[in-house]
N, C-alpha and C. Protein backbone atom coordinates (compact mmCIF):
# COMPACT_ATOMS: atom_id res chain seq x y z
N UNK A 1 50.61 -199.48 -28.92
CA UNK A 1 51.87 -199.88 -29.51
C UNK A 1 52.95 -199.77 -28.43
N UNK A 2 53.79 -200.76 -28.40
CA UNK A 2 54.86 -200.80 -27.42
C UNK A 2 56.17 -201.09 -28.14
N UNK A 3 57.19 -200.29 -27.85
CA UNK A 3 58.51 -200.51 -28.43
C UNK A 3 59.46 -200.87 -27.31
N UNK A 4 60.22 -201.93 -27.52
CA UNK A 4 61.16 -202.41 -26.51
C UNK A 4 62.54 -202.47 -27.14
N UNK A 5 63.50 -201.87 -26.48
CA UNK A 5 64.89 -201.92 -26.95
C UNK A 5 65.63 -202.96 -26.12
N UNK A 6 66.31 -203.86 -26.82
CA UNK A 6 67.08 -204.88 -26.10
C UNK A 6 68.35 -205.18 -26.86
N UNK A 7 69.27 -205.78 -26.17
CA UNK A 7 70.51 -206.21 -26.80
C UNK A 7 70.53 -207.72 -26.81
N UNK A 8 71.06 -208.30 -27.86
CA UNK A 8 71.12 -209.75 -27.96
C UNK A 8 69.96 -210.30 -28.76
N UNK A 9 69.72 -211.58 -28.63
CA UNK A 9 68.66 -212.27 -29.38
C UNK A 9 67.30 -211.94 -28.80
N UNK A 10 66.31 -211.84 -29.70
CA UNK A 10 64.96 -211.47 -29.27
C UNK A 10 64.01 -212.65 -29.24
N UNK A 11 64.49 -213.88 -29.46
CA UNK A 11 63.58 -215.02 -29.52
C UNK A 11 62.90 -215.28 -28.18
N UNK A 12 63.62 -215.31 -27.11
CA UNK A 12 63.03 -215.54 -25.80
C UNK A 12 62.35 -214.30 -25.26
N UNK A 13 62.80 -213.14 -25.70
CA UNK A 13 62.25 -211.87 -25.21
C UNK A 13 60.80 -211.67 -25.65
N UNK A 14 60.44 -212.14 -26.83
CA UNK A 14 59.08 -211.99 -27.34
C UNK A 14 58.09 -212.71 -26.42
N UNK A 15 58.41 -213.92 -26.03
CA UNK A 15 57.52 -214.67 -25.11
C UNK A 15 57.45 -214.00 -23.74
N UNK A 16 58.57 -213.49 -23.25
CA UNK A 16 58.59 -212.81 -21.96
C UNK A 16 57.70 -211.55 -21.99
N UNK A 17 57.80 -210.80 -23.08
CA UNK A 17 56.98 -209.58 -23.20
C UNK A 17 55.50 -209.94 -23.26
N UNK A 18 55.17 -210.96 -24.03
CA UNK A 18 53.78 -211.40 -24.15
C UNK A 18 53.23 -211.83 -22.77
N UNK A 19 54.01 -212.58 -22.01
CA UNK A 19 53.59 -213.03 -20.67
C UNK A 19 53.43 -211.86 -19.71
N UNK A 20 54.34 -210.89 -19.75
CA UNK A 20 54.25 -209.73 -18.87
C UNK A 20 53.03 -208.88 -19.18
N UNK A 21 52.72 -208.73 -20.47
CA UNK A 21 51.54 -207.94 -20.84
C UNK A 21 50.26 -208.64 -20.42
N UNK A 22 50.21 -209.94 -20.53
CA UNK A 22 49.03 -210.70 -20.09
C UNK A 22 48.88 -210.63 -18.57
N UNK A 23 50.02 -210.63 -17.87
CA UNK A 23 49.97 -210.56 -16.42
C UNK A 23 49.55 -209.18 -15.93
N UNK A 24 49.78 -208.16 -16.73
CA UNK A 24 49.43 -206.79 -16.35
C UNK A 24 47.93 -206.61 -16.23
N UNK A 25 47.19 -207.20 -17.16
CA UNK A 25 45.74 -207.07 -17.09
C UNK A 25 45.09 -207.81 -18.24
N UNK A 26 43.87 -208.29 -18.02
CA UNK A 26 43.19 -209.04 -19.07
C UNK A 26 42.65 -208.14 -20.18
N UNK A 27 42.59 -206.83 -19.95
CA UNK A 27 42.04 -205.93 -20.96
C UNK A 27 43.07 -205.52 -22.01
N UNK A 28 44.32 -205.93 -21.86
CA UNK A 28 45.35 -205.61 -22.85
C UNK A 28 45.35 -206.69 -23.93
N UNK A 29 45.14 -206.26 -25.16
CA UNK A 29 45.08 -207.17 -26.29
C UNK A 29 46.43 -207.20 -27.00
N UNK A 30 47.05 -208.35 -27.03
CA UNK A 30 48.33 -208.52 -27.72
C UNK A 30 48.03 -209.21 -29.04
N UNK A 31 48.16 -208.47 -30.14
CA UNK A 31 47.84 -209.05 -31.45
C UNK A 31 49.08 -209.54 -32.18
N UNK A 32 50.09 -208.75 -32.17
CA UNK A 32 51.26 -209.11 -32.96
C UNK A 32 52.51 -208.52 -32.33
N UNK A 33 53.51 -209.35 -32.21
CA UNK A 33 54.81 -208.89 -31.72
C UNK A 33 55.84 -209.23 -32.80
N UNK A 34 56.49 -208.19 -33.30
CA UNK A 34 57.49 -208.38 -34.34
C UNK A 34 58.74 -207.61 -33.96
N UNK A 35 59.86 -208.10 -34.46
CA UNK A 35 61.11 -207.39 -34.27
C UNK A 35 61.21 -206.28 -35.30
N UNK A 36 62.13 -205.38 -35.10
CA UNK A 36 62.31 -204.27 -36.04
C UNK A 36 62.71 -204.79 -37.41
N UNK A 37 63.58 -205.80 -37.43
CA UNK A 37 63.98 -206.37 -38.72
C UNK A 37 62.80 -206.98 -39.46
N UNK A 38 61.92 -207.68 -38.75
CA UNK A 38 60.74 -208.26 -39.39
C UNK A 38 59.81 -207.16 -39.90
N UNK A 39 59.66 -206.09 -39.14
CA UNK A 39 58.81 -204.97 -39.54
C UNK A 39 59.36 -204.30 -40.79
N UNK A 40 60.67 -204.10 -40.84
CA UNK A 40 61.30 -203.50 -42.02
C UNK A 40 61.14 -204.42 -43.23
N UNK A 41 61.34 -205.72 -43.04
CA UNK A 41 61.17 -206.67 -44.14
C UNK A 41 59.74 -206.64 -44.67
N UNK A 42 58.75 -206.55 -43.80
CA UNK A 42 57.35 -206.49 -44.24
C UNK A 42 57.06 -205.20 -44.98
N UNK A 43 57.63 -204.09 -44.53
CA UNK A 43 57.36 -202.81 -45.17
C UNK A 43 58.06 -202.70 -46.53
N UNK A 44 59.14 -203.41 -46.73
CA UNK A 44 59.88 -203.36 -47.99
C UNK A 44 59.51 -204.49 -48.95
N UNK A 45 58.52 -205.29 -48.61
CA UNK A 45 58.16 -206.44 -49.42
C UNK A 45 57.73 -206.03 -50.82
N UNK A 46 56.89 -205.01 -50.94
CA UNK A 46 56.41 -204.59 -52.25
C UNK A 46 57.55 -204.02 -53.09
N UNK A 47 58.44 -203.24 -52.50
CA UNK A 47 59.56 -202.68 -53.24
C UNK A 47 60.49 -203.79 -53.74
N UNK A 48 60.70 -204.80 -52.91
CA UNK A 48 61.55 -205.92 -53.32
C UNK A 48 60.91 -206.70 -54.46
N UNK A 49 59.58 -206.86 -54.42
CA UNK A 49 58.88 -207.56 -55.49
C UNK A 49 59.00 -206.78 -56.80
N UNK A 50 58.81 -205.48 -56.74
CA UNK A 50 58.94 -204.65 -57.94
C UNK A 50 60.36 -204.71 -58.47
N UNK A 51 61.35 -204.67 -57.59
CA UNK A 51 62.74 -204.73 -58.02
C UNK A 51 63.05 -206.08 -58.66
N UNK A 52 62.54 -207.16 -58.09
CA UNK A 52 62.76 -208.49 -58.66
C UNK A 52 62.10 -208.63 -60.02
N UNK A 53 60.88 -208.14 -60.14
CA UNK A 53 60.19 -208.19 -61.43
C UNK A 53 60.91 -207.32 -62.46
N UNK A 54 61.39 -206.16 -62.06
CA UNK A 54 62.13 -205.29 -62.97
C UNK A 54 63.41 -205.98 -63.45
N UNK A 55 64.09 -206.65 -62.54
CA UNK A 55 65.29 -207.39 -62.92
C UNK A 55 64.95 -208.48 -63.92
N UNK A 56 63.89 -209.23 -63.65
CA UNK A 56 63.49 -210.32 -64.55
C UNK A 56 63.16 -209.79 -65.93
N UNK A 57 62.34 -208.74 -66.00
CA UNK A 57 61.96 -208.21 -67.31
C UNK A 57 63.13 -207.53 -68.01
N UNK A 58 64.03 -206.93 -67.25
CA UNK A 58 65.23 -206.36 -67.85
C UNK A 58 66.11 -207.42 -68.48
N UNK A 59 66.29 -208.54 -67.76
CA UNK A 59 67.08 -209.65 -68.32
C UNK A 59 66.39 -210.27 -69.53
N UNK A 60 65.06 -210.36 -69.48
CA UNK A 60 64.31 -210.87 -70.63
C UNK A 60 64.47 -209.95 -71.84
N UNK A 61 64.42 -208.63 -71.61
CA UNK A 61 64.62 -207.68 -72.70
C UNK A 61 66.04 -207.79 -73.26
N UNK A 62 67.02 -207.98 -72.39
CA UNK A 62 68.40 -208.14 -72.84
C UNK A 62 68.55 -209.40 -73.68
N UNK A 63 67.91 -210.48 -73.25
CA UNK A 63 67.95 -211.73 -74.02
C UNK A 63 67.29 -211.55 -75.39
N UNK A 64 66.15 -210.88 -75.43
CA UNK A 64 65.47 -210.65 -76.71
C UNK A 64 66.30 -209.74 -77.62
N UNK A 65 66.92 -208.73 -77.05
CA UNK A 65 67.76 -207.84 -77.85
C UNK A 65 68.96 -208.59 -78.41
N UNK A 66 69.59 -209.42 -77.58
CA UNK A 66 70.73 -210.21 -78.06
C UNK A 66 70.32 -211.19 -79.14
N UNK A 67 69.16 -211.82 -78.97
CA UNK A 67 68.67 -212.76 -79.99
C UNK A 67 68.37 -212.02 -81.28
N UNK A 68 67.76 -210.85 -81.18
CA UNK A 68 67.47 -210.05 -82.38
C UNK A 68 68.74 -209.62 -83.08
N UNK A 69 69.72 -209.18 -82.32
CA UNK A 69 71.00 -208.77 -82.91
C UNK A 69 71.67 -209.94 -83.59
N UNK A 70 71.63 -211.11 -82.96
CA UNK A 70 72.20 -212.30 -83.58
C UNK A 70 71.48 -212.63 -84.89
N UNK A 71 70.17 -212.52 -84.88
CA UNK A 71 69.39 -212.81 -86.09
C UNK A 71 69.74 -211.86 -87.23
N UNK A 72 69.87 -210.58 -86.93
CA UNK A 72 70.21 -209.60 -87.96
C UNK A 72 71.61 -209.87 -88.49
N UNK A 73 72.55 -210.15 -87.59
CA UNK A 73 73.92 -210.43 -88.04
C UNK A 73 73.97 -211.71 -88.87
N UNK A 74 73.26 -212.74 -88.44
CA UNK A 74 73.25 -213.99 -89.20
C UNK A 74 72.65 -213.77 -90.58
N UNK A 75 71.61 -212.95 -90.66
CA UNK A 75 71.00 -212.65 -91.96
C UNK A 75 71.98 -211.91 -92.86
N UNK A 76 72.70 -210.92 -92.32
CA UNK A 76 73.66 -210.16 -93.13
C UNK A 76 74.80 -211.05 -93.61
N UNK A 77 75.28 -211.93 -92.75
CA UNK A 77 76.37 -212.82 -93.16
C UNK A 77 75.86 -213.80 -94.21
N UNK A 78 74.66 -214.34 -94.04
CA UNK A 78 74.10 -215.27 -95.02
C UNK A 78 73.88 -214.57 -96.36
N UNK A 79 73.46 -213.33 -96.33
CA UNK A 79 73.22 -212.58 -97.55
C UNK A 79 74.53 -212.29 -98.28
N UNK A 80 75.60 -212.14 -97.54
CA UNK A 80 76.90 -211.82 -98.14
C UNK A 80 77.80 -213.05 -98.23
N UNK A 81 77.23 -214.22 -98.14
CA UNK A 81 78.01 -215.46 -98.13
C UNK A 81 78.87 -215.59 -99.38
N UNK A 82 78.32 -215.29 -100.52
CA UNK A 82 79.10 -215.41 -101.76
C UNK A 82 80.27 -214.43 -101.76
N UNK A 83 79.99 -213.19 -101.32
CA UNK A 83 81.05 -212.19 -101.27
C UNK A 83 82.16 -212.62 -100.33
N UNK A 84 81.79 -213.13 -99.18
CA UNK A 84 82.78 -213.59 -98.20
C UNK A 84 83.56 -214.76 -98.77
N UNK A 85 82.88 -215.69 -99.47
CA UNK A 85 83.57 -216.82 -100.09
C UNK A 85 84.58 -216.36 -101.13
N UNK A 86 84.20 -215.38 -101.95
CA UNK A 86 85.12 -214.86 -102.97
C UNK A 86 86.32 -214.19 -102.31
N UNK A 87 86.08 -213.41 -101.28
CA UNK A 87 87.18 -212.74 -100.58
C UNK A 87 88.15 -213.77 -99.98
N UNK A 88 87.58 -214.83 -99.38
CA UNK A 88 88.43 -215.87 -98.80
C UNK A 88 89.22 -216.60 -99.89
N UNK A 89 88.57 -216.82 -101.05
CA UNK A 89 89.25 -217.51 -102.16
C UNK A 89 90.38 -216.67 -102.72
N UNK A 90 90.24 -215.35 -102.66
CA UNK A 90 91.27 -214.46 -103.17
C UNK A 90 92.38 -214.20 -102.15
N UNK A 91 92.26 -214.80 -100.95
CA UNK A 91 93.35 -214.70 -99.98
C UNK A 91 93.06 -213.89 -98.74
N UNK A 92 91.86 -213.46 -98.55
CA UNK A 92 91.55 -212.69 -97.33
C UNK A 92 91.67 -213.61 -96.11
N UNK A 93 92.23 -213.09 -95.06
CA UNK A 93 92.37 -213.84 -93.82
C UNK A 93 91.04 -213.88 -93.07
N UNK A 94 90.91 -214.92 -92.27
CA UNK A 94 89.67 -215.10 -91.51
C UNK A 94 89.40 -213.90 -90.60
N UNK A 95 90.43 -213.40 -89.94
CA UNK A 95 90.29 -212.24 -89.05
C UNK A 95 89.85 -211.00 -89.79
N UNK A 96 90.33 -210.82 -91.02
CA UNK A 96 89.92 -209.66 -91.81
C UNK A 96 88.44 -209.73 -92.16
N UNK A 97 87.96 -210.93 -92.48
CA UNK A 97 86.54 -211.09 -92.83
C UNK A 97 85.67 -210.85 -91.59
N UNK A 98 86.10 -211.39 -90.45
CA UNK A 98 85.35 -211.16 -89.21
C UNK A 98 85.35 -209.67 -88.87
N UNK A 99 86.48 -209.01 -89.05
CA UNK A 99 86.55 -207.57 -88.81
C UNK A 99 85.63 -206.79 -89.74
N UNK A 100 85.53 -207.23 -90.98
CA UNK A 100 84.64 -206.57 -91.94
C UNK A 100 83.18 -206.67 -91.48
N UNK A 101 82.81 -207.84 -91.00
CA UNK A 101 81.44 -208.03 -90.53
C UNK A 101 81.19 -207.22 -89.26
N UNK A 102 82.16 -207.22 -88.35
CA UNK A 102 81.99 -206.48 -87.09
C UNK A 102 81.99 -204.97 -87.30
N UNK A 103 82.68 -204.49 -88.34
CA UNK A 103 82.67 -203.04 -88.62
C UNK A 103 81.27 -202.55 -88.92
N UNK A 104 80.44 -203.43 -89.44
CA UNK A 104 79.06 -203.05 -89.71
C UNK A 104 78.19 -203.19 -88.46
N UNK A 105 78.50 -204.15 -87.61
CA UNK A 105 77.63 -204.44 -86.46
C UNK A 105 77.90 -203.51 -85.28
N UNK A 106 79.15 -203.21 -85.00
CA UNK A 106 79.50 -202.45 -83.81
C UNK A 106 78.87 -201.05 -83.80
N UNK A 107 78.90 -200.30 -84.90
CA UNK A 107 78.23 -198.99 -84.86
C UNK A 107 76.73 -199.08 -84.57
N UNK A 108 76.08 -200.09 -85.13
CA UNK A 108 74.65 -200.25 -84.87
C UNK A 108 74.41 -200.55 -83.40
N UNK A 109 75.24 -201.42 -82.82
CA UNK A 109 75.10 -201.75 -81.40
C UNK A 109 75.36 -200.52 -80.53
N UNK A 110 76.40 -199.76 -80.84
CA UNK A 110 76.71 -198.57 -80.04
C UNK A 110 75.61 -197.52 -80.14
N UNK A 111 75.04 -197.34 -81.31
CA UNK A 111 73.93 -196.39 -81.46
C UNK A 111 72.73 -196.87 -80.64
N UNK A 112 72.45 -198.16 -80.69
CA UNK A 112 71.34 -198.72 -79.91
C UNK A 112 71.56 -198.56 -78.42
N UNK A 113 72.77 -198.80 -77.96
CA UNK A 113 73.07 -198.65 -76.53
C UNK A 113 72.94 -197.19 -76.12
N UNK A 114 73.44 -196.28 -76.95
CA UNK A 114 73.35 -194.85 -76.62
C UNK A 114 71.89 -194.40 -76.56
N UNK A 115 71.09 -194.82 -77.53
CA UNK A 115 69.66 -194.45 -77.52
C UNK A 115 68.97 -195.07 -76.31
N UNK A 116 69.25 -196.33 -76.02
CA UNK A 116 68.62 -197.01 -74.89
C UNK A 116 68.99 -196.39 -73.56
N UNK A 117 70.28 -196.11 -73.35
CA UNK A 117 70.70 -195.49 -72.09
C UNK A 117 70.15 -194.08 -71.95
N UNK A 118 70.16 -193.33 -73.05
CA UNK A 118 69.60 -191.98 -73.00
C UNK A 118 68.13 -191.99 -72.67
N UNK A 119 67.39 -192.88 -73.29
CA UNK A 119 65.96 -192.99 -73.01
C UNK A 119 65.72 -193.43 -71.58
N UNK A 120 66.51 -194.37 -71.09
CA UNK A 120 66.35 -194.84 -69.71
C UNK A 120 66.63 -193.72 -68.71
N UNK A 121 67.66 -192.94 -68.95
CA UNK A 121 67.99 -191.86 -68.03
C UNK A 121 66.93 -190.76 -68.03
N UNK A 122 66.35 -190.50 -69.19
CA UNK A 122 65.33 -189.45 -69.27
C UNK A 122 64.02 -189.90 -68.65
N UNK A 123 63.65 -191.16 -68.85
CA UNK A 123 62.33 -191.62 -68.41
C UNK A 123 62.32 -192.19 -67.00
N UNK A 124 63.46 -192.45 -66.40
CA UNK A 124 63.50 -193.01 -65.05
C UNK A 124 63.40 -191.89 -64.03
N UNK A 125 62.40 -191.93 -63.16
CA UNK A 125 62.32 -190.90 -62.12
C UNK A 125 63.42 -191.08 -61.09
N UNK A 126 63.87 -189.99 -60.55
CA UNK A 126 64.93 -190.03 -59.53
C UNK A 126 64.28 -190.15 -58.17
N UNK A 127 64.23 -191.37 -57.63
CA UNK A 127 63.56 -191.63 -56.36
C UNK A 127 64.35 -191.10 -55.17
N UNK A 128 65.64 -190.96 -55.30
CA UNK A 128 66.46 -190.62 -54.15
C UNK A 128 66.65 -189.12 -53.99
N UNK A 129 66.21 -188.35 -54.94
CA UNK A 129 66.41 -186.90 -54.88
C UNK A 129 65.76 -186.25 -53.66
N UNK A 130 64.48 -186.55 -53.31
CA UNK A 130 63.90 -185.93 -52.11
C UNK A 130 64.63 -186.33 -50.83
N UNK A 131 65.11 -187.54 -50.76
CA UNK A 131 65.82 -187.99 -49.56
C UNK A 131 67.12 -187.21 -49.38
N UNK A 132 67.79 -186.94 -50.48
CA UNK A 132 69.04 -186.18 -50.40
C UNK A 132 68.76 -184.74 -49.99
N UNK A 133 67.69 -184.16 -50.53
CA UNK A 133 67.35 -182.78 -50.15
C UNK A 133 66.96 -182.71 -48.68
N UNK A 134 66.27 -183.74 -48.19
CA UNK A 134 65.84 -183.74 -46.78
C UNK A 134 67.00 -183.80 -45.82
N UNK A 135 68.08 -184.47 -46.20
CA UNK A 135 69.25 -184.57 -45.32
C UNK A 135 70.04 -183.27 -45.26
N UNK A 136 69.98 -182.52 -46.36
CA UNK A 136 70.77 -181.29 -46.40
C UNK A 136 70.23 -180.24 -45.45
N UNK A 137 68.98 -180.34 -45.06
CA UNK A 137 68.38 -179.33 -44.17
C UNK A 137 68.92 -179.41 -42.78
């Protein structure tokens, strides 16, 4: 393994290093020459894939939760359609009726968010904790 430190662009330097190693002797086998950035990108490939998949499934879960919440709210409003119609006929304002419906939905959403965040915080391992302890030494 050979490490070379240089300043500037490494595009021409890779070919120069390969030629110098070949000129040194035929018994030196040059298999792969990569820059530090390429090496870091290759080593982080799996972590980036897991992070991308986690993002995708998290967004999918959020979409499903929003669709489910919409379905429950639509069902409650449809079930109370007659009551809402009577209230509107007796003079209730549109904003008051919307507020009445939201008074039932908001607590359920807040309880769900609290349970979800609490569960996520408890079940998610802290990956950065060992790194922080290692720096303190």
